[in-house]
Amino acid sequence: MKTFAQNIKEIRQQLNLTQEQFANKLGYSYQLIGCWENGRSFPNLNTAKRIHEVFGVDYEDIFDYDLD
């Protein structure tokens, strides 16, 4: 199972976005995205919801779990 940090970086890279572009679309700083990708901090559930809404990413892809 991958970590949240690995998942969020992979999602960003698949979207061909820099940390700054990803952050701007969410309304955050690129430094915060870097902290997420390095596992130093984690978004709250509202932010995970925003990632889902803005980028169309499934929660399962963000958190690497299977609902089945």
PDB file of N, CA and C in Angstrom:
ATOM      1  N   MET A   1       0.845  -1.178   0.000  1.00  0.00           N
ATOM      2  CA  MET A   1       0.000   0.000   0.000  1.00  0.00           C
ATOM      3  C   MET A   1       0.889   1.239   0.000  1.00  0.00           C
ATOM      4  N   LYS A   2       0.578   2.177  -0.872  1.00  0.00           N
ATOM      5  CA  LYS A   2       1.335   3.414  -0.954  1.00  0.00           C
ATOM      6  C   LYS A   2       0.856   4.392   0.110  1.00  0.00           C
ATOM      7  N   THR A   3       1.705   5.346   0.415  1.00  0.00           N
ATOM      8  CA  THR A   3       1.356   6.368   1.392  1.00  0.00           C
ATOM      9  C   THR A   3       0.592   7.498   0.709  1.00  0.00           C
ATOM     10  N   PHE A   4      -0.058   8.310   1.526  1.00  0.00           N
ATOM     11  CA  PHE A   4      -0.728   9.490   0.998  1.00  0.00           C
ATOM     12  C   PHE A   4       0.273  10.352   0.238  1.00  0.00           C
ATOM     13  N   ALA A   5       1.459  10.535   0.806  1.00  0.00           N
ATOM     14  CA  ALA A   5       2.483  11.376   0.180  1.00  0.00           C
ATOM     15  C   ALA A   5       2.815  10.873  -1.225  1.00  0.00           C
ATOM     16  N   GLN A   6       2.992   9.581  -1.369  1.00  0.00           N
ATOM     17  CA  GLN A   6       3.284   9.012  -2.684  1.00  0.00           C
ATOM     18  C   GLN A   6       2.110   9.209  -3.639  1.00  0.00           C
ATOM     19  N   ASN A   7       0.906   9.005  -3.127  1.00  0.00           N
ATOM     20  CA  ASN A   7      -0.292   9.135  -3.965  1.00  0.00           C
ATOM     21  C   ASN A   7      -0.479  10.557  -4.473  1.00  0.00           C
ATOM     22  N   ILE A   8      -0.326  11.531  -3.594  1.00  0.00           N
ATOM     23  CA  ILE A   8      -0.594  12.916  -3.994  1.00  0.00           C
ATOM     24  C   ILE A   8       0.444  13.379  -5.016  1.00  0.00           C
ATOM     25  N   LYS A   9       1.689  12.956  -4.843  1.00  0.00           N
ATOM     26  CA  LYS A   9       2.733  13.309  -5.809  1.00  0.00           C
ATOM     27  C   LYS A   9       2.453  12.654  -7.154  1.00  0.00           C
ATOM     28  N   GLU A  10       2.067  11.394  -7.127  1.00  0.00           N
ATOM     29  CA  GLU A  10       1.753  10.675  -8.365  1.00  0.00           C
ATOM     30  C   GLU A  10       0.571  11.315  -9.087  1.00  0.00           C
ATOM     31  N   ILE A  11      -0.460  11.686  -8.349  1.00  0.00           N
ATOM     32  CA  ILE A  11      -1.630  12.342  -8.943  1.00  0.00           C
ATOM     33  C   ILE A  11      -1.201  13.648  -9.612  1.00  0.00           C
ATOM     34  N   ARG A  12      -0.416  14.453  -8.907  1.00  0.00           N
ATOM     35  CA  ARG A  12       0.041  15.733  -9.446  1.00  0.00           C
ATOM     36  C   ARG A  12       0.856  15.523 -10.720  1.00  0.00           C
ATOM     37  N   GLN A  13       1.751  14.553 -10.695  1.00  0.00           N
ATOM     38  CA  GLN A  13       2.593  14.286 -11.858  1.00  0.00           C
ATOM     39  C   GLN A  13       1.779  13.758 -13.032  1.00  0.00           C
ATOM     40  N   GLN A  14       0.783  12.931 -12.769  1.00  0.00           N
ATOM     41  CA  GLN A  14      -0.077  12.421 -13.840  1.00  0.00           C
ATOM     42  C   GLN A  14      -0.863  13.548 -14.509  1.00  0.00           C
ATOM     43  N   LEU A  15      -1.153  14.588 -13.732  1.00  0.00           N
ATOM     44  CA  LEU A  15      -1.853  15.748 -14.271  1.00  0.00           C
ATOM     45  C   LEU A  15      -0.897  16.729 -14.952  1.00  0.00           C
ATOM     46  N   ASN A  16       0.407  16.397 -14.946  1.00  0.00           N
ATOM     47  CA  ASN A  16       1.440  17.248 -15.537  1.00  0.00           C
ATOM     48  C   ASN A  16       1.440  18.652 -14.947  1.00  0.00           C
ATOM     49  N   LEU A  17       1.312  18.714 -13.620  1.00  0.00           N
ATOM     50  CA  LEU A  17       1.318  19.990 -12.922  1.00  0.00           C
ATOM     51  C   LEU A  17       2.534  20.095 -12.016  1.00  0.00           C
ATOM     52  N   THR A  18       3.061  21.297 -11.911  1.00  0.00           N
ATOM     53  CA  THR A  18       4.100  21.550 -10.920  1.00  0.00           C
ATOM     54  C   THR A  18       3.426  21.657  -9.550  1.00  0.00           C
ATOM     55  N   GLN A  19       4.229  21.649  -8.513  1.00  0.00           N
ATOM     56  CA  GLN A  19       3.660  21.845  -7.179  1.00  0.00           C
ATOM     57  C   GLN A  19       2.952  23.196  -7.109  1.00  0.00           C
ATOM     58  N   GLU A  20       3.530  24.199  -7.731  1.00  0.00           N
ATOM     59  CA  GLU A  20       2.937  25.538  -7.705  1.00  0.00           C
ATOM     60  C   GLU A  20       1.594  25.568  -8.438  1.00  0.00           C
ATOM     61  N   GLN A  21       1.508  24.938  -9.603  1.00  0.00           N
ATOM     62  CA  GLN A  21       0.249  24.899 -10.345  1.00  0.00           C
ATOM     63  C   GLN A  21      -0.824  24.138  -9.575  1.00  0.00           C
ATOM     64  N   PHE A  22      -0.439  23.007  -9.002  1.00  0.00           N
ATOM     65  CA  PHE A  22      -1.358  22.202  -8.208  1.00  0.00           C
ATOM     66  C   PHE A  22      -1.870  23.018  -7.029  1.00  0.00           C
ATOM     67  N   ALA A  23      -0.949  23.692  -6.361  1.00  0.00           N
ATOM     68  CA  ALA A  23      -1.300  24.505  -5.192  1.00  0.00           C
ATOM     69  C   ALA A  23      -2.236  25.646  -5.572  1.00  0.00           C
ATOM     70  N   ASN A  24      -1.937  26.319  -6.667  1.00  0.00           N
ATOM     71  CA  ASN A  24      -2.767  27.455  -7.090  1.00  0.00           C
ATOM     72  C   ASN A  24      -4.196  27.034  -7.379  1.00  0.00           C
ATOM     73  N   LYS A  25      -4.372  25.877  -7.993  1.00  0.00           N
ATOM     74  CA  LYS A  25      -5.720  25.387  -8.296  1.00  0.00           C
ATOM     75  C   LYS A  25      -6.511  25.084  -7.024  1.00  0.00           C
ATOM     76  N   LEU A  26      -5.784  24.737  -5.948  1.00  0.00           N
ATOM     77  CA  LEU A  26      -6.441  24.431  -4.673  1.00  0.00           C
ATOM     78  C   LEU A  26      -6.514  25.626  -3.740  1.00  0.00           C
ATOM     79  N   GLY A  27      -5.753  26.669  -4.050  1.00  0.00           N
ATOM     80  CA  GLY A  27      -5.730  27.847  -3.190  1.00  0.00           C
ATOM     81  C   GLY A  27      -4.762  27.713  -2.024  1.00  0.00           C
ATOM     82  N   TYR A  28      -3.697  26.947  -2.215  1.00  0.00           N
ATOM     83  CA  TYR A  28      -2.686  26.748  -1.177  1.00  0.00           C
ATOM     84  C   TYR A  28      -1.320  27.136  -1.709  1.00  0.00           C
ATOM     85  N   SER A  29      -0.328  27.120  -0.835  1.00  0.00           N
ATOM     86  CA  SER A  29       1.041  27.420  -1.248  1.00  0.00           C
ATOM     87  C   SER A  29       1.714  26.155  -1.767  1.00  0.00           C
ATOM     88  N   TYR A  30       2.695  26.348  -2.653  1.00  0.00           N
ATOM     89  CA  TYR A  30       3.437  25.190  -3.152  1.00  0.00           C
ATOM     90  C   TYR A  30       4.244  24.541  -2.038  1.00  0.00           C
ATOM     91  N   GLN A  31       4.606  25.337  -1.013  1.00  0.00           N
ATOM     92  CA  GLN A  31       5.340  24.766   0.116  1.00  0.00           C
ATOM     93  C   GLN A  31       4.493  23.730   0.848  1.00  0.00           C
ATOM     94  N   LEU A  32       3.199  23.994   0.965  1.00  0.00           N
ATOM     95  CA  LEU A  32       2.316  23.042   1.630  1.00  0.00           C
ATOM     96  C   LEU A  32       2.210  21.756   0.816  1.00  0.00           C
ATOM     97  N   ILE A  33       2.126  21.879  -0.497  1.00  0.00           N
ATOM     98  CA  ILE A  33       2.073  20.689  -1.346  1.00  0.00           C
ATOM     99  C   ILE A  33       3.349  19.880  -1.158  1.00  0.00           C
ATOM    100  N   GLY A  34       4.478  20.558  -1.071  1.00  0.00           N
ATOM    101  CA  GLY A  34       5.748  19.876  -0.817  1.00  0.00           C
ATOM    102  C   GLY A  34       5.735  19.141   0.509  1.00  0.00           C
ATOM    103  N   CYS A  35       5.140  19.743   1.523  1.00  0.00           N
ATOM    104  CA  CYS A  35       5.030  19.074   2.830  1.00  0.00           C
ATOM    105  C   CYS A  35       4.166  17.825   2.727  1.00  0.00           C
ATOM    106  N   TRP A  36       3.086  17.904   1.970  1.00  0.00           N
ATOM    107  CA  TRP A  36       2.234  16.723   1.772  1.00  0.00           C
ATOM    108  C   TRP A  36       3.027  15.629   1.072  1.00  0.00           C
ATOM    109  N   GLU A  37       3.747  16.006   0.020  1.00  0.00           N
ATOM    110  CA  GLU A  37       4.472  15.020  -0.775  1.00  0.00           C
ATOM    111  C   GLU A  37       5.648  14.409  -0.007  1.00  0.00           C
ATOM    112  N   ASN A  38       6.144  15.120   0.975  1.00  0.00           N
ATOM    113  CA  ASN A  38       7.240  14.600   1.797  1.00  0.00           C
ATOM    114  C   ASN A  38       6.760  13.943   3.079  1.00  0.00           C
ATOM    115  N   GLY A  39       5.449  13.918   3.276  1.00  0.00           N
ATOM    116  CA  GLY A  39       4.880  13.265   4.450  1.00  0.00           C
ATOM    117  C   GLY A  39       5.029  14.045   5.737  1.00  0.00           C
ATOM    118  N   ARG A  40       5.333  15.349   5.638  1.00  0.00           N
ATOM    119  CA  ARG A  40       5.499  16.169   6.837  1.00  0.00           C
ATOM    120  C   ARG A  40       4.178  16.707   7.370  1.00  0.00           C
ATOM    121  N   SER A  41       3.175  16.736   6.506  1.00  0.00           N
ATOM    122  CA  SER A  41       1.844  17.145   6.943  1.00  0.00           C
ATOM    123  C   SER A  41       0.822  16.482   6.038  1.00  0.00           C
ATOM    124  N   PHE A  42      -0.430  16.553   6.444  1.00  0.00           N
ATOM    125  CA  PHE A  42      -1.512  15.905   5.710  1.00  0.00           C
ATOM    126  C   PHE A  42      -2.691  16.862   5.642  1.00  0.00           C
ATOM    127  N   PRO A  43      -3.437  16.814   4.540  1.00  0.00           N
ATOM    128  CA  PRO A  43      -4.612  17.679   4.445  1.00  0.00           C
ATOM    129  C   PRO A  43      -5.748  17.142   5.309  1.00  0.00           C
ATOM    130  N   ASN A  44      -6.644  18.039   5.678  1.00  0.00           N
ATOM    131  CA  ASN A  44      -7.834  17.579   6.387  1.00  0.00           C
ATOM    132  C   ASN A  44      -8.831  17.023   5.376  1.00  0.00           C
ATOM    133  N   LEU A  45      -9.930  16.504   5.856  1.00  0.00           N
ATOM    134  CA  LEU A  45     -10.904  15.872   4.956  1.00  0.00           C
ATOM    135  C   LEU A  45     -11.533  16.861   3.981  1.00  0.00           C
ATOM    136  N   ASN A  46     -11.708  18.113   4.403  1.00  0.00           N
ATOM    137  CA  ASN A  46     -12.248  19.114   3.485  1.00  0.00           C
ATOM    138  C   ASN A  46     -11.305  19.355   2.313  1.00  0.00           C
ATOM    139  N   THR A  47     -10.014  19.323   2.574  1.00  0.00           N
ATOM    140  CA  THR A  47      -9.040  19.509   1.510  1.00  0.00           C
ATOM    141  C   THR A  47      -9.021  18.305   0.585  1.00  0.00           C
ATOM    142  N   ALA A  48      -9.129  17.114   1.144  1.00  0.00           N
ATOM    143  CA  ALA A  48      -9.211  15.905   0.315  1.00  0.00           C
ATOM    144  C   ALA A  48     -10.440  15.986  -0.589  1.00  0.00           C
ATOM    145  N   LYS A  49     -11.523  16.502  -0.054  1.00  0.00           N
ATOM    146  CA  LYS A  49     -12.743  16.681  -0.847  1.00  0.00           C
ATOM    147  C   LYS A  49     -12.488  17.679  -1.976  1.00  0.00           C
ATOM    148  N   ARG A  50     -11.755  18.728  -1.668  1.00  0.00           N
ATOM    149  CA  ARG A  50     -11.437  19.735  -2.692  1.00  0.00           C
ATOM    150  C   ARG A  50     -10.559  19.125  -3.797  1.00  0.00           C
ATOM    151  N   ILE A  51      -9.581  18.306  -3.436  1.00  0.00           N
ATOM    152  CA  ILE A  51      -8.741  17.631  -4.431  1.00  0.00           C
ATOM    153  C   ILE A  51      -9.622  16.774  -5.333  1.00  0.00           C
ATOM    154  N   HIS A  52     -10.559  16.074  -4.716  1.00  0.00           N
ATOM    155  CA  HIS A  52     -11.502  15.236  -5.456  1.00  0.00           C
ATOM    156  C   HIS A  52     -12.318  16.083  -6.434  1.00  0.00           C
ATOM    157  N   GLU A  53     -12.839  17.201  -5.963  1.00  0.00           N
ATOM    158  CA  GLU A  53     -13.708  18.041  -6.789  1.00  0.00           C
ATOM    159  C   GLU A  53     -12.944  18.769  -7.897  1.00  0.00           C
ATOM    160  N   VAL A  54     -11.801  19.350  -7.563  1.00  0.00           N
ATOM    161  CA  VAL A  54     -11.054  20.161  -8.523  1.00  0.00           C
ATOM    162  C   VAL A  54     -10.415  19.308  -9.617  1.00  0.00           C
ATOM    163  N   PHE A  55      -9.873  18.157  -9.224  1.00  0.00           N
ATOM    164  CA  PHE A  55      -9.118  17.349 -10.167  1.00  0.00           C
ATOM    165  C   PHE A  55      -9.841  16.077 -10.605  1.00  0.00           C
ATOM    166  N   GLY A  56     -11.016  15.818 -10.041  1.00  0.00           N
ATOM    167  CA  GLY A  56     -11.764  14.627 -10.427  1.00  0.00           C
ATOM    168  C   GLY A  56     -11.091  13.334 -10.008  1.00  0.00           C
ATOM    169  N   VAL A  57     -10.360  13.383  -8.919  1.00  0.00           N
ATOM    170  CA  VAL A  57      -9.613  12.229  -8.428  1.00  0.00           C
ATOM    171  C   VAL A  57     -10.471  11.473  -7.413  1.00  0.00           C
ATOM    172  N   ASP A  58     -10.543  10.158  -7.565  1.00  0.00           N
ATOM    173  CA  ASP A  58     -11.297   9.337  -6.619  1.00  0.00           C
ATOM    174  C   ASP A  58     -10.616   9.324  -5.266  1.00  0.00           C
ATOM    175  N   TYR A  59     -11.421   9.262  -4.209  1.00  0.00           N
ATOM    176  CA  TYR A  59     -10.871   9.185  -2.854  1.00  0.00           C
ATOM    177  C   TYR A  59      -9.962   7.966  -2.697  1.00  0.00           C
ATOM    178  N   GLU A  60     -10.315   6.886  -3.367  1.00  0.00           N
ATOM    179  CA  GLU A  60      -9.507   5.668  -3.282  1.00  0.00           C
ATOM    180  C   GLU A  60      -8.094   5.912  -3.811  1.00  0.00           C
ATOM    181  N   ASP A  61      -7.989   6.756  -4.846  1.00  0.00           N
ATOM    182  CA  ASP A  61      -6.676   7.079  -5.403  1.00  0.00           C
ATOM    183  C   ASP A  61      -5.889   8.009  -4.479  1.00  0.00           C
ATOM    184  N   ILE A  62      -6.582   8.870  -3.774  1.00  0.00           N
ATOM    185  CA  ILE A  62      -5.913   9.774  -2.845  1.00  0.00           C
ATOM    186  C   ILE A  62      -5.377   9.005  -1.645  1.00  0.00           C
ATOM    187  N   PHE A  63      -6.213   8.142  -1.097  1.00  0.00           N
ATOM    188  CA  PHE A  63      -5.844   7.464   0.161  1.00  0.00           C
ATOM    189  C   PHE A  63      -5.432   6.012  -0.017  1.00  0.00           C
ATOM    190  N   ASP A  64      -5.516   5.491  -1.261  1.00  0.00           N
ATOM    191  CA  ASP A  64      -5.088   4.128  -1.584  1.00  0.00           C
ATOM    192  C   ASP A  64      -5.782   3.075  -0.726  1.00  0.00           C
ATOM    193  N   TYR A  65      -7.100   3.083  -0.800  1.00  0.00           N
ATOM    194  CA  TYR A  65      -7.876   2.047  -0.130  1.00  0.00           C
ATOM    195  C   TYR A  65      -8.938   1.542  -1.079  1.00  0.00           C
ATOM    196  N   ASP A  66      -9.455   0.390  -0.789  1.00  0.00           N
ATOM    197  CA  ASP A  66     -10.473  -0.243  -1.622  1.00  0.00           C
ATOM    198  C   ASP A  66     -11.731  -0.389  -0.801  1.00  0.00           C
ATOM    199  N   LEU A  67     -12.829   0.136  -1.317  1.00  0.00           N
ATOM    200  CA  LEU A  67     -14.104   0.071  -0.579  1.00  0.00           C
ATOM    201  C   LEU A  67     -14.749  -1.311  -0.655  1.00  0.00           C
ATOM    202  N   ASP A  68     -14.281  -2.158  -1.549  1.00  0.00           N
ATOM    203  CA  ASP A  68     -14.888  -3.493  -1.701  1.00  0.00           C
ATOM    204  C   ASP A  68     -14.429  -4.452  -0.635  1.00  0.00           C
TER     205      ASP A  68
END
